[in-house]
Amino acid sequence: MAKLFIKQAGLYAEARPSYPPELFLFIASNTPNHGLAWDVGTGNGQAAVS
């Protein structure tokens, strides 16, 4: 089953837009504490990895 998804992973990564670094700078500058993170529905995890 995993092989079905592995073949498509590269295409998915190429087609999916990434998040601009400015987005994370904006979020960080508008939050007082950075010791903990709350991952709410980040989908495939691209934002969490960033």
N, C-alpha and C. Protein backbone atom coordinates (compact mmCIF):
# COMPACT_ATOMS: atom_id res chain seq x y z
N MET A 1 0.82 -1.19 0.00
CA MET A 1 0.00 0.00 0.00
C MET A 1 0.87 1.26 0.00
N ALA A 2 1.95 1.24 0.76
CA ALA A 2 2.81 2.42 0.84
C ALA A 2 3.39 2.80 -0.51
N LYS A 3 3.64 1.81 -1.35
CA LYS A 3 4.22 2.09 -2.67
C LYS A 3 3.31 2.97 -3.52
N LEU A 4 2.02 2.86 -3.31
CA LEU A 4 1.08 3.69 -4.06
C LEU A 4 1.29 5.17 -3.77
N PHE A 5 1.63 5.49 -2.54
CA PHE A 5 1.80 6.89 -2.14
C PHE A 5 3.21 7.39 -2.42
N ILE A 6 4.19 6.52 -2.32
CA ILE A 6 5.58 6.93 -2.55
C ILE A 6 5.75 7.47 -3.97
N LYS A 7 5.12 6.83 -4.94
CA LYS A 7 5.24 7.27 -6.33
C LYS A 7 4.72 8.69 -6.52
N GLN A 8 3.70 9.06 -5.79
CA GLN A 8 3.07 10.36 -5.97
C GLN A 8 3.66 11.45 -5.08
N ALA A 9 4.46 11.09 -4.11
CA ALA A 9 4.97 12.06 -3.14
C ALA A 9 5.77 13.18 -3.80
N GLY A 10 6.61 12.84 -4.74
CA GLY A 10 7.42 13.85 -5.42
C GLY A 10 6.57 14.84 -6.20
N LEU A 11 5.59 14.32 -6.92
CA LEU A 11 4.69 15.20 -7.68
C LEU A 11 3.90 16.10 -6.75
N TYR A 12 3.45 15.54 -5.65
CA TYR A 12 2.69 16.33 -4.68
C TYR A 12 3.55 17.46 -4.12
N ALA A 13 4.77 17.14 -3.75
CA ALA A 13 5.67 18.14 -3.17
C ALA A 13 5.98 19.25 -4.18
N GLU A 14 6.11 18.90 -5.45
CA GLU A 14 6.39 19.90 -6.47
C GLU A 14 5.20 20.82 -6.72
N ALA A 15 4.01 20.24 -6.69
CA ALA A 15 2.80 21.00 -7.04
C ALA A 15 2.26 21.84 -5.89
N ARG A 16 2.50 21.41 -4.67
CA ARG A 16 1.95 22.12 -3.52
C ARG A 16 2.76 23.37 -3.24
N PRO A 17 2.11 24.51 -3.16
CA PRO A 17 2.85 25.74 -2.86
C PRO A 17 3.42 25.71 -1.44
N SER A 18 4.55 26.34 -1.28
CA SER A 18 5.15 26.41 0.06
C SER A 18 4.73 27.71 0.73
N TYR A 19 5.05 27.82 1.98
CA TYR A 19 4.71 29.03 2.73
C TYR A 19 5.89 29.99 2.70
N PRO A 20 5.64 31.28 2.52
CA PRO A 20 6.75 32.24 2.50
C PRO A 20 7.32 32.43 3.90
N PRO A 21 8.63 32.61 4.01
CA PRO A 21 9.25 32.82 5.32
C PRO A 21 8.64 33.99 6.08
N GLU A 22 8.16 34.99 5.35
CA GLU A 22 7.55 36.16 5.99
C GLU A 22 6.33 35.79 6.83
N LEU A 23 5.62 34.75 6.42
CA LEU A 23 4.46 34.31 7.19
C LEU A 23 4.88 33.88 8.59
N PHE A 24 5.94 33.11 8.68
CA PHE A 24 6.40 32.62 9.99
C PHE A 24 6.99 33.76 10.82
N LEU A 25 7.65 34.69 10.16
CA LEU A 25 8.17 35.86 10.89
C LEU A 25 7.02 36.69 11.45
N PHE A 26 5.95 36.84 10.68
CA PHE A 26 4.78 37.58 11.14
C PHE A 26 4.14 36.89 12.34
N ILE A 27 3.95 35.60 12.25
CA ILE A 27 3.34 34.85 13.36
C ILE A 27 4.22 34.95 14.60
N ALA A 28 5.52 34.74 14.44
CA ALA A 28 6.43 34.79 15.58
C ALA A 28 6.47 36.17 16.22
N SER A 29 6.39 37.21 15.41
CA SER A 29 6.46 38.56 15.96
C SER A 29 5.16 38.97 16.66
N ASN A 30 4.10 38.22 16.45
CA ASN A 30 2.81 38.54 17.07
C ASN A 30 2.42 37.56 18.17
N THR A 31 3.38 36.75 18.60
CA THR A 31 3.13 35.83 19.72
C THR A 31 4.19 36.07 20.78
N PRO A 32 3.78 36.16 22.05
CA PRO A 32 4.72 36.52 23.10
C PRO A 32 5.68 35.40 23.52
N ASN A 33 5.26 34.17 23.43
CA ASN A 33 6.08 33.05 23.91
C ASN A 33 6.30 32.04 22.80
N HIS A 34 7.48 31.46 22.78
CA HIS A 34 7.80 30.48 21.74
C HIS A 34 8.29 29.16 22.32
N GLY A 35 8.01 28.91 23.60
CA GLY A 35 8.45 27.68 24.23
C GLY A 35 7.62 26.47 23.86
N LEU A 36 6.37 26.70 23.51
CA LEU A 36 5.47 25.61 23.13
C LEU A 36 4.83 25.93 21.79
N ALA A 37 4.45 24.88 21.08
CA ALA A 37 3.75 25.07 19.81
C ALA A 37 2.48 24.24 19.81
N TRP A 38 1.47 24.76 19.15
CA TRP A 38 0.20 24.05 19.02
C TRP A 38 -0.03 23.82 17.54
N ASP A 39 0.05 22.60 17.11
CA ASP A 39 -0.10 22.24 15.71
C ASP A 39 -1.57 21.95 15.44
N VAL A 40 -2.25 22.90 14.82
CA VAL A 40 -3.69 22.76 14.59
C VAL A 40 -3.95 22.58 13.10
N GLY A 41 -4.25 21.37 12.72
CA GLY A 41 -4.66 21.10 11.35
C GLY A 41 -3.70 21.58 10.28
N THR A 42 -2.43 21.23 10.40
CA THR A 42 -1.47 21.68 9.39
C THR A 42 -1.46 20.79 8.16
N GLY A 43 -2.41 19.90 8.06
CA GLY A 43 -2.50 19.06 6.86
C GLY A 43 -1.32 18.12 6.74
N ASN A 44 -0.51 18.33 5.72
CA ASN A 44 0.61 17.41 5.46
C ASN A 44 1.83 17.72 6.31
N GLY A 45 1.79 18.74 7.12
CA GLY A 45 2.88 19.04 8.04
C GLY A 45 3.94 19.99 7.52
N GLN A 46 3.76 20.56 6.34
CA GLN A 46 4.77 21.47 5.81
C GLN A 46 5.01 22.65 6.74
N ALA A 47 3.96 23.20 7.29
CA ALA A 47 4.13 24.35 8.19
C ALA A 47 4.80 23.91 9.49
N ALA A 48 4.48 22.73 9.97
CA ALA A 48 5.08 22.24 11.21
C ALA A 48 6.58 22.03 11.04
N VAL A 49 6.98 21.55 9.89
CA VAL A 49 8.40 21.33 9.62
C VAL A 49 9.14 22.65 9.52
N SER A 50 8.50 23.64 8.92
CA SER A 50 9.14 24.95 8.76
C SER A 50 9.37 25.59 10.10
